Amino acid sequence: MNQKYILFAIFMPILVVPLLSLVIQLAFGQEEVPEFLNRRVAVWQLFYKLMVSAFIVGAVVTGVIFYVCFRYSENNKHNKFPATKEDAKH
């Protein structure tokens, strides 16, 4: 694989995460605040929203890892090379 794409794949998340945190902070800053704001409730609400999204992302990443591991494992018959030329014909 080209070295530029590898560097892009490594550094892109490092650049995107601070940008996303800024956007999320601005989006939550636009909410209308009542006269009395219970900070503990607001913090737990934000924590709950972020944990739900973290579990969803974690589940998707875990599923992709399992798929790649089982799809390209050595025990998969589709990944084995034929032992002889006769086996390759069948």
PDB file of N, CA and C in Angstrom:
ATOM      1  N   MET A   1       0.849  -1.186   0.000  1.00  0.00           N
ATOM      2  CA  MET A   1       0.000   0.000   0.000  1.00  0.00           C
ATOM      3  C   MET A   1       0.891   1.245   0.000  1.00  0.00           C
ATOM      4  N   ASN A   2       0.404   2.271  -0.581  1.00  0.00           N
ATOM      5  CA  ASN A   2       1.180   3.492  -0.694  1.00  0.00           C
ATOM      6  C   ASN A   2       1.389   4.126   0.688  1.00  0.00           C
ATOM      7  N   GLN A   3       2.560   4.660   0.902  1.00  0.00           N
ATOM      8  CA  GLN A   3       2.907   5.223   2.205  1.00  0.00           C
ATOM      9  C   GLN A   3       2.049   6.447   2.523  1.00  0.00           C
ATOM     10  N   LYS A   4       1.622   7.193   1.521  1.00  0.00           N
ATOM     11  CA  LYS A   4       0.789   8.371   1.750  1.00  0.00           C
ATOM     12  C   LYS A   4      -0.549   7.979   2.353  1.00  0.00           C
ATOM     13  N   TYR A   5      -1.131   6.874   1.864  1.00  0.00           N
ATOM     14  CA  TYR A   5      -2.423   6.429   2.382  1.00  0.00           C
ATOM     15  C   TYR A   5      -2.305   5.930   3.817  1.00  0.00           C
ATOM     16  N   ILE A   6      -1.198   5.283   4.140  1.00  0.00           N
ATOM     17  CA  ILE A   6      -0.981   4.812   5.499  1.00  0.00           C
ATOM     18  C   ILE A   6      -0.850   5.999   6.444  1.00  0.00           C
ATOM     19  N   LEU A   7      -0.079   6.987   6.060  1.00  0.00           N
ATOM     20  CA  LEU A   7       0.060   8.183   6.894  1.00  0.00           C
ATOM     21  C   LEU A   7      -1.269   8.917   7.024  1.00  0.00           C
ATOM     22  N   PHE A   8      -2.040   8.954   5.953  1.00  0.00           N
ATOM     23  CA  PHE A   8      -3.364   9.577   6.002  1.00  0.00           C
ATOM     24  C   PHE A   8      -4.270   8.842   6.983  1.00  0.00           C
ATOM     25  N   ALA A   9      -4.235   7.511   6.941  1.00  0.00           N
ATOM     26  CA  ALA A   9      -5.074   6.716   7.836  1.00  0.00           C
ATOM     27  C   ALA A   9      -4.655   6.869   9.296  1.00  0.00           C
ATOM     28  N   ILE A  10      -3.391   7.141   9.539  1.00  0.00           N
ATOM     29  CA  ILE A  10      -2.916   7.303  10.910  1.00  0.00           C
ATOM     30  C   ILE A  10      -3.243   8.694  11.438  1.00  0.00           C
ATOM     31  N   PHE A  11      -2.983   9.715  10.645  1.00  0.00           N
ATOM     32  CA  PHE A  11      -3.104  11.076  11.156  1.00  0.00           C
ATOM     33  C   PHE A  11      -4.491  11.684  11.000  1.00  0.00           C
ATOM     34  N   MET A  12      -5.324  11.132  10.161  1.00  0.00           N
ATOM     35  CA  MET A  12      -6.665  11.697   9.969  1.00  0.00           C
ATOM     36  C   MET A  12      -7.502  11.641  11.246  1.00  0.00           C
ATOM     37  N   PRO A  13      -7.549  10.500  11.954  1.00  0.00           N
ATOM     38  CA  PRO A  13      -8.317  10.507  13.205  1.00  0.00           C
ATOM     39  C   PRO A  13      -7.777  11.492  14.245  1.00  0.00           C
ATOM     40  N   ILE A  14      -6.460  11.676  14.249  1.00  0.00           N
ATOM     41  CA  ILE A  14      -5.859  12.610  15.205  1.00  0.00           C
ATOM     42  C   ILE A  14      -6.324  14.031  14.920  1.00  0.00           C
ATOM     43  N   LEU A  15      -6.558  14.345  13.655  1.00  0.00           N
ATOM     44  CA  LEU A  15      -7.024  15.677  13.294  1.00  0.00           C
ATOM     45  C   LEU A  15      -8.542  15.814  13.414  1.00  0.00           C
ATOM     46  N   VAL A  16      -9.274  14.730  13.199  1.00  0.00           N
ATOM     47  CA  VAL A  16     -10.733  14.803  13.184  1.00  0.00           C
ATOM     48  C   VAL A  16     -11.318  14.837  14.594  1.00  0.00           C
ATOM     49  N   VAL A  17     -10.746  14.111  15.534  1.00  0.00           N
ATOM     50  CA  VAL A  17     -11.313  14.020  16.878  1.00  0.00           C
ATOM     51  C   VAL A  17     -11.402  15.388  17.563  1.00  0.00           C
ATOM     52  N   PRO A  18     -10.363  16.225  17.561  1.00  0.00           N
ATOM     53  CA  PRO A  18     -10.528  17.546  18.171  1.00  0.00           C
ATOM     54  C   PRO A  18     -11.578  18.404  17.459  1.00  0.00           C
ATOM     55  N   LEU A  19     -11.647  18.274  16.134  1.00  0.00           N
ATOM     56  CA  LEU A  19     -12.667  19.022  15.390  1.00  0.00           C
ATOM     57  C   LEU A  19     -14.073  18.570  15.782  1.00  0.00           C
ATOM     58  N   LEU A  20     -14.280  17.274  15.893  1.00  0.00           N
ATOM     59  CA  LEU A  20     -15.590  16.757  16.278  1.00  0.00           C
ATOM     60  C   LEU A  20     -15.954  17.178  17.695  1.00  0.00           C
ATOM     61  N   SER A  21     -14.976  17.165  18.600  1.00  0.00           N
ATOM     62  CA  SER A  21     -15.278  17.579  19.967  1.00  0.00           C
ATOM     63  C   SER A  21     -15.673  19.055  20.004  1.00  0.00           C
ATOM     64  N   LEU A  22     -15.061  19.873  19.163  1.00  0.00           N
ATOM     65  CA  LEU A  22     -15.431  21.283  19.091  1.00  0.00           C
ATOM     66  C   LEU A  22     -16.845  21.437  18.537  1.00  0.00           C
ATOM     67  N   VAL A  23     -17.174  20.675  17.486  1.00  0.00           N
ATOM     68  CA  VAL A  23     -18.506  20.756  16.886  1.00  0.00           C
ATOM     69  C   VAL A  23     -19.570  20.282  17.872  1.00  0.00           C
ATOM     70  N   ILE A  24     -19.292  19.191  18.585  1.00  0.00           N
ATOM     71  CA  ILE A  24     -20.254  18.676  19.567  1.00  0.00           C
ATOM     72  C   ILE A  24     -20.441  19.687  20.684  1.00  0.00           C
ATOM     73  N   GLN A  25     -19.352  20.298  21.122  1.00  0.00           N
ATOM     74  CA  GLN A  25     -19.448  21.299  22.186  1.00  0.00           C
ATOM     75  C   GLN A  25     -20.288  22.482  21.722  1.00  0.00           C
ATOM     76  N   LEU A  26     -20.100  22.937  20.499  1.00  0.00           N
ATOM     77  CA  LEU A  26     -20.892  24.048  19.988  1.00  0.00           C
ATOM     78  C   LEU A  26     -22.353  23.650  19.831  1.00  0.00           C
ATOM     79  N   ALA A  27     -22.609  22.416  19.416  1.00  0.00           N
ATOM     80  CA  ALA A  27     -23.989  21.970  19.238  1.00  0.00           C
ATOM     81  C   ALA A  27     -24.713  21.903  20.580  1.00  0.00           C
ATOM     82  N   PHE A  28     -24.058  21.390  21.600  1.00  0.00           N
ATOM     83  CA  PHE A  28     -24.692  21.332  22.912  1.00  0.00           C
ATOM     84  C   PHE A  28     -24.784  22.715  23.542  1.00  0.00           C
ATOM     85  N   GLY A  29     -23.926  23.625  23.111  1.00  0.00           N
ATOM     86  CA  GLY A  29     -23.993  24.984  23.627  1.00  0.00           C
ATOM     87  C   GLY A  29     -25.189  25.754  23.095  1.00  0.00           C
ATOM     88  N   GLN A  30     -25.803  25.274  22.020  1.00  0.00           N
ATOM     89  CA  GLN A  30     -26.944  25.958  21.433  1.00  0.00           C
ATOM     90  C   GLN A  30     -28.262  25.603  22.108  1.00  0.00           C
ATOM     91  N   GLU A  31     -28.235  24.619  23.022  1.00  0.00           N
ATOM     92  CA  GLU A  31     -29.473  24.240  23.695  1.00  0.00           C
ATOM     93  C   GLU A  31     -29.966  25.380  24.580  1.00  0.00           C
ATOM     94  N   GLU A  32     -31.282  25.487  24.669  1.00  0.00           N
ATOM     95  CA  GLU A  32     -31.855  26.489  25.559  1.00  0.00           C
ATOM     96  C   GLU A  32     -31.717  26.011  26.995  1.00  0.00           C
ATOM     97  N   VAL A  33     -31.203  26.873  27.837  1.00  0.00           N
ATOM     98  CA  VAL A  33     -30.956  26.506  29.224  1.00  0.00           C
ATOM     99  C   VAL A  33     -32.048  27.127  30.090  1.00  0.00           C
ATOM    100  N   PRO A  34     -32.694  26.316  30.928  1.00  0.00           N
ATOM    101  CA  PRO A  34     -33.675  26.903  31.840  1.00  0.00           C
ATOM    102  C   PRO A  34     -32.979  27.781  32.881  1.00  0.00           C
ATOM    103  N   GLU A  35     -33.763  28.458  33.662  1.00  0.00           N
ATOM    104  CA  GLU A  35     -33.177  29.361  34.660  1.00  0.00           C
ATOM    105  C   GLU A  35     -32.305  28.606  35.646  1.00  0.00           C
ATOM    106  N   PHE A  36     -32.749  27.426  36.046  1.00  0.00           N
ATOM    107  CA  PHE A  36     -31.978  26.621  36.990  1.00  0.00           C
ATOM    108  C   PHE A  36     -31.401  25.426  36.252  1.00  0.00           C
ATOM    109  N   LEU A  37     -30.087  25.313  36.273  1.00  0.00           N
ATOM    110  CA  LEU A  37     -29.419  24.214  35.576  1.00  0.00           C
ATOM    111  C   LEU A  37     -28.732  23.336  36.608  1.00  0.00           C
ATOM    112  N   ASN A  38     -29.177  22.109  36.692  1.00  0.00           N
ATOM    113  CA  ASN A  38     -28.518  21.155  37.579  1.00  0.00           C
ATOM    114  C   ASN A  38     -27.349  20.553  36.802  1.00  0.00           C
ATOM    115  N   ARG A  39     -26.155  20.933  37.184  1.00  0.00           N
ATOM    116  CA  ARG A  39     -24.977  20.536  36.423  1.00  0.00           C
ATOM    117  C   ARG A  39     -24.747  19.034  36.473  1.00  0.00           C
ATOM    118  N   ARG A  40     -25.034  18.401  37.588  1.00  0.00           N
ATOM    119  CA  ARG A  40     -24.841  16.954  37.673  1.00  0.00           C
ATOM    120  C   ARG A  40     -25.718  16.229  36.657  1.00  0.00           C
ATOM    121  N   VAL A  41     -26.953  16.674  36.524  1.00  0.00           N
ATOM    122  CA  VAL A  41     -27.861  16.051  35.561  1.00  0.00           C
ATOM    123  C   VAL A  41     -27.365  16.299  34.137  1.00  0.00           C
ATOM    124  N   ALA A  42     -26.907  17.494  33.846  1.00  0.00           N
ATOM    125  CA  ALA A  42     -26.414  17.816  32.507  1.00  0.00           C
ATOM    126  C   ALA A  42     -25.172  16.992  32.156  1.00  0.00           C
ATOM    127  N   VAL A  43     -24.294  16.816  33.131  1.00  0.00           N
ATOM    128  CA  VAL A  43     -23.070  16.046  32.893  1.00  0.00           C
ATOM    129  C   VAL A  43     -23.410  14.578  32.653  1.00  0.00           C
ATOM    130  N   TRP A  44     -24.303  14.021  33.479  1.00  0.00           N
ATOM    131  CA  TRP A  44     -24.684  12.618  33.295  1.00  0.00           C
ATOM    132  C   TRP A  44     -25.442  12.418  31.985  1.00  0.00           C
ATOM    133  N   GLN A  45     -26.213  13.392  31.576  1.00  0.00           N
ATOM    134  CA  GLN A  45     -26.929  13.294  30.301  1.00  0.00           C
ATOM    135  C   GLN A  45     -25.935  13.258  29.139  1.00  0.00           C
ATOM    136  N   LEU A  46     -24.944  14.123  29.185  1.00  0.00           N
ATOM    137  CA  LEU A  46     -23.916  14.132  28.146  1.00  0.00           C
ATOM    138  C   LEU A  46     -23.110  12.837  28.176  1.00  0.00           C
ATOM    139  N   PHE A  47     -22.772  12.382  29.383  1.00  0.00           N
ATOM    140  CA  PHE A  47     -22.034  11.127  29.530  1.00  0.00           C
ATOM    141  C   PHE A  47     -22.820   9.971  28.930  1.00  0.00           C
ATOM    142  N   TYR A  48     -24.111   9.921  29.191  1.00  0.00           N
ATOM    143  CA  TYR A  48     -24.958   8.846  28.675  1.00  0.00           C
ATOM    144  C   TYR A  48     -24.998   8.875  27.140  1.00  0.00           C
ATOM    145  N   LYS A  49     -25.169  10.052  26.561  1.00  0.00           N
ATOM    146  CA  LYS A  49     -25.208  10.164  25.102  1.00  0.00           C
ATOM    147  C   LYS A  49     -23.889   9.696  24.479  1.00  0.00           C
ATOM    148  N   LEU A  50     -22.779  10.114  25.060  1.00  0.00           N
ATOM    149  CA  LEU A  50     -21.479   9.740  24.501  1.00  0.00           C
ATOM    150  C   LEU A  50     -21.182   8.264  24.705  1.00  0.00           C
ATOM    151  N   MET A  51     -21.612   7.683  25.832  1.00  0.00           N
ATOM    152  CA  MET A  51     -21.389   6.259  26.060  1.00  0.00           C
ATOM    153  C   MET A  51     -22.215   5.409  25.111  1.00  0.00           C
ATOM    154  N   VAL A  52     -23.423   5.832  24.803  1.00  0.00           N
ATOM    155  CA  VAL A  52     -24.229   5.091  23.834  1.00  0.00           C
ATOM    156  C   VAL A  52     -23.538   5.100  22.479  1.00  0.00           C
ATOM    157  N   SER A  53     -23.055   6.252  22.065  1.00  0.00           N
ATOM    158  CA  SER A  53     -22.356   6.307  20.776  1.00  0.00           C
ATOM    159  C   SER A  53     -21.054   5.506  20.821  1.00  0.00           C
ATOM    160  N   ALA A  54     -20.349   5.504  21.958  1.00  0.00           N
ATOM    161  CA  ALA A  54     -19.106   4.732  22.066  1.00  0.00           C
ATOM    162  C   ALA A  54     -19.389   3.234  21.980  1.00  0.00           C
ATOM    163  N   PHE A  55     -20.469   2.762  22.593  1.00  0.00           N
ATOM    164  CA  PHE A  55     -20.811   1.341  22.515  1.00  0.00           C
ATOM    165  C   PHE A  55     -21.196   0.950  21.090  1.00  0.00           C
ATOM    166  N   ILE A  56     -21.896   1.827  20.395  1.00  0.00           N
ATOM    167  CA  ILE A  56     -22.274   1.518  19.016  1.00  0.00           C
ATOM    168  C   ILE A  56     -21.035   1.432  18.130  1.00  0.00           C
ATOM    169  N   VAL A  57     -20.143   2.398  18.262  1.00  0.00           N
ATOM    170  CA  VAL A  57     -18.907   2.378  17.468  1.00  0.00           C
ATOM    171  C   VAL A  57     -18.066   1.153  17.829  1.00  0.00           C
ATOM    172  N   GLY A  58     -17.975   0.839  19.112  1.00  0.00           N
ATOM    173  CA  GLY A  58     -17.222  -0.338  19.550  1.00  0.00           C
ATOM    174  C   GLY A  58     -17.796  -1.626  18.998  1.00  0.00           C
ATOM    175  N   ALA A  59     -19.124  -1.733  18.968  1.00  0.00           N
ATOM    176  CA  ALA A  59     -19.761  -2.931  18.424  1.00  0.00           C
ATOM    177  C   ALA A  59     -19.487  -3.065  16.932  1.00  0.00           C
ATOM    178  N   VAL A  60     -19.542  -1.970  16.207  1.00  0.00           N
ATOM    179  CA  VAL A  60     -19.271  -2.014  14.762  1.00  0.00           C
ATOM    180  C   VAL A  60     -17.822  -2.404  14.505  1.00  0.00           C
ATOM    181  N   VAL A  61     -16.894  -1.810  15.234  1.00  0.00           N
ATOM    182  CA  VAL A  61     -15.472  -2.127  15.049  1.00  0.00           C
ATOM    183  C   VAL A  61     -15.199  -3.585  15.402  1.00  0.00           C
ATOM    184  N   THR A  62     -15.789  -4.070  16.492  1.00  0.00           N
ATOM    185  CA  THR A  62     -15.601  -5.467  16.883  1.00  0.00           C
ATOM    186  C   THR A  62     -16.165  -6.398  15.827  1.00  0.00           C
ATOM    187  N   GLY A  63     -17.326  -6.071  15.281  1.00  0.00           N
ATOM    188  CA  GLY A  63     -17.902  -6.890  14.228  1.00  0.00           C
ATOM    189  C   GLY A  63     -17.033  -6.944  12.992  1.00  0.00           C
ATOM    190  N   VAL A  64     -16.466  -5.818  12.612  1.00  0.00           N
ATOM    191  CA  VAL A  64     -15.577  -5.792  11.448  1.00  0.00           C
ATOM    192  C   VAL A  64     -14.326  -6.624  11.706  1.00  0.00           C
ATOM    193  N   ILE A  65     -13.783  -6.535  12.906  1.00  0.00           N
ATOM    194  CA  ILE A  65     -12.584  -7.318  13.242  1.00  0.00           C
ATOM    195  C   ILE A  65     -12.893  -8.812  13.185  1.00  0.00           C
ATOM    196  N   PHE A  66     -14.030  -9.222  13.769  1.00  0.00           N
ATOM    197  CA  PHE A  66     -14.405 -10.631  13.719  1.00  0.00           C
ATOM    198  C   PHE A  66     -14.601 -11.097  12.276  1.00  0.00           C
ATOM    199  N   TYR A  67     -15.258 -10.291  11.472  1.00  0.00           N
ATOM    200  CA  TYR A  67     -15.491 -10.665  10.075  1.00  0.00           C
ATOM    201  C   TYR A  67     -14.161 -10.850   9.337  1.00  0.00           C
ATOM    202  N   VAL A  68     -13.260  -9.900   9.506  1.00  0.00           N
ATOM    203  CA  VAL A  68     -11.981  -9.991   8.798  1.00  0.00           C
ATOM    204  C   VAL A  68     -11.180 -11.192   9.289  1.00  0.00           C
ATOM    205  N   CYS A  69     -11.181 -11.433  10.603  1.00  0.00           N
ATOM    206  CA  CYS A  69     -10.417 -12.562  11.147  1.00  0.00           C
ATOM    207  C   CYS A  69     -10.950 -13.895  10.640  1.00  0.00           C
ATOM    208  N   PHE A  70     -12.267 -14.070  10.640  1.00  0.00           N
ATOM    209  CA  PHE A  70     -12.821 -15.348  10.204  1.00  0.00           C
ATOM    210  C   PHE A  70     -12.836 -15.485   8.684  1.00  0.00           C
ATOM    211  N   ARG A  71     -12.999 -14.405   7.975  1.00  0.00           N
ATOM    212  CA  ARG A  71     -13.040 -14.471   6.517  1.00  0.00           C
ATOM    213  C   ARG A  71     -11.673 -14.823   5.944  1.00  0.00           C
ATOM    214  N   TYR A  72     -10.635 -14.266   6.506  1.00  0.00           N
ATOM    215  CA  TYR A  72      -9.296 -14.470   5.963  1.00  0.00           C
ATOM    216  C   TYR A  72      -8.439 -15.395   6.825  1.00  0.00           C
ATOM    217  N   SER A  73      -9.070 -16.228   7.637  1.00  0.00           N
ATOM    218  CA  SER A  73      -8.293 -17.154   8.469  1.00  0.00           C
ATOM    219  C   SER A  73      -7.727 -18.282   7.608  1.00  0.00           C
ATOM    220  N   GLU A  74      -6.737 -18.964   8.139  1.00  0.00           N
ATOM    221  CA  GLU A  74      -6.097 -20.040   7.384  1.00  0.00           C
ATOM    222  C   GLU A  74      -7.006 -21.254   7.273  1.00  0.00           C
ATOM    223  N   ASN A  75      -7.935 -21.415   8.196  1.00  0.00           N
ATOM    224  CA  ASN A  75      -8.815 -22.579   8.181  1.00  0.00           C
ATOM    225  C   ASN A  75      -9.945 -22.454   7.173  1.00  0.00           C
ATOM    226  N   ASN A  76     -10.154 -21.285   6.608  1.00  0.00           N
ATOM    227  CA  ASN A  76     -11.216 -21.097   5.628  1.00  0.00           C
ATOM    228  C   ASN A  76     -10.820 -21.798   4.331  1.00  0.00           C
ATOM    229  N   LYS A  77     -11.726 -22.667   3.826  1.00  0.00           N
ATOM    230  CA  LYS A  77     -11.367 -23.463   2.650  1.00  0.00           C
ATOM    231  C   LYS A  77     -11.188 -22.614   1.396  1.00  0.00           C
ATOM    232  N   HIS A  78     -11.760 -21.428   1.350  1.00  0.00           N
ATOM    233  CA  HIS A  78     -11.607 -20.562   0.176  1.00  0.00           C
ATOM    234  C   HIS A  78     -10.206 -19.951   0.090  1.00  0.00           C
ATOM    235  N   ASN A  79      -9.498 -19.938   1.193  1.00  0.00           N
ATOM    236  CA  ASN A  79      -8.164 -19.331   1.209  1.00  0.00           C
ATOM    237  C   ASN A  79      -7.048 -20.344   1.023  1.00  0.00           C
ATOM    238  N   LYS A  80      -7.372 -21.621   0.871  1.00  0.00           N
ATOM    239  CA  LYS A  80      -6.339 -22.639   0.714  1.00  0.00           C
ATOM    240  C   LYS A  80      -5.981 -22.795  -0.761  1.00  0.00           C
ATOM    241  N   PHE A  81      -4.697 -23.002  -1.012  1.00  0.00           N
ATOM    242  CA  PHE A  81      -4.227 -23.233  -2.365  1.00  0.00           C
ATOM    243  C   PHE A  81      -4.386 -24.718  -2.703  1.00  0.00           C
ATOM    244  N   PRO A  82      -4.702 -25.039  -3.920  1.00  0.00           N
ATOM    245  CA  PRO A  82      -4.828 -26.451  -4.287  1.00  0.00           C
ATOM    246  C   PRO A  82      -3.475 -27.148  -4.228  1.00  0.00           C
ATOM    247  N   ALA A  83      -3.495 -28.416  -3.773  1.00  0.00           N
ATOM    248  CA  ALA A  83      -2.246 -29.151  -3.615  1.00  0.00           C
ATOM    249  C   ALA A  83      -1.664 -29.572  -4.965  1.00  0.00           C
ATOM    250  N   THR A  84      -2.544 -29.923  -5.908  1.00  0.00           N
ATOM    251  CA  THR A  84      -2.065 -30.354  -7.223  1.00  0.00           C
ATOM    252  C   THR A  84      -2.832 -29.591  -8.305  1.00  0.00           C
ATOM    253  N   LYS A  85      -2.387 -29.782  -9.527  1.00  0.00           N
ATOM    254  CA  LYS A  85      -3.074 -29.141 -10.644  1.00  0.00           C
ATOM    255  C   LYS A  85      -4.445 -29.744 -10.873  1.00  0.00           C
ATOM    256  N   GLU A  86      -4.593 -31.001 -10.553  1.00  0.00           N
ATOM    257  CA  GLU A  86      -5.892 -31.663 -10.710  1.00  0.00           C
ATOM    258  C   GLU A  86      -6.924 -31.069  -9.758  1.00  0.00           C
ATOM    259  N   ASP A  87      -6.491 -30.740  -8.536  1.00  0.00           N
ATOM    260  CA  ASP A  87      -7.402 -30.142  -7.567  1.00  0.00           C
ATOM    261  C   ASP A  87      -7.838 -28.751  -8.018  1.00  0.00           C
ATOM    262  N   ALA A  88      -6.954 -28.069  -8.728  1.00  0.00           N
ATOM    263  CA  ALA A  88      -7.285 -26.708  -9.178  1.00  0.00           C
ATOM    264  C   ALA A  88      -8.332 -26.731 -10.280  1.00  0.00           C
ATOM    265  N   LYS A  89      -8.375 -27.816 -11.077  1.00  0.00           N
ATOM    266  CA  LYS A  89      -9.337 -27.910 -12.150  1.00  0.00           C
ATOM    267  C   LYS A  89     -10.760 -28.125 -11.633  1.00  0.00           C
ATOM    268  N   HIS A  90     -10.916 -28.750 -10.483  1.00  0.00           N
ATOM    269  CA  HIS A  90     -12.240 -29.082  -9.949  1.00  0.00           C
ATOM    270  C   HIS A  90     -12.836 -27.942  -9.220  1.00  0.00           C
TER     271      HIS A  90
END
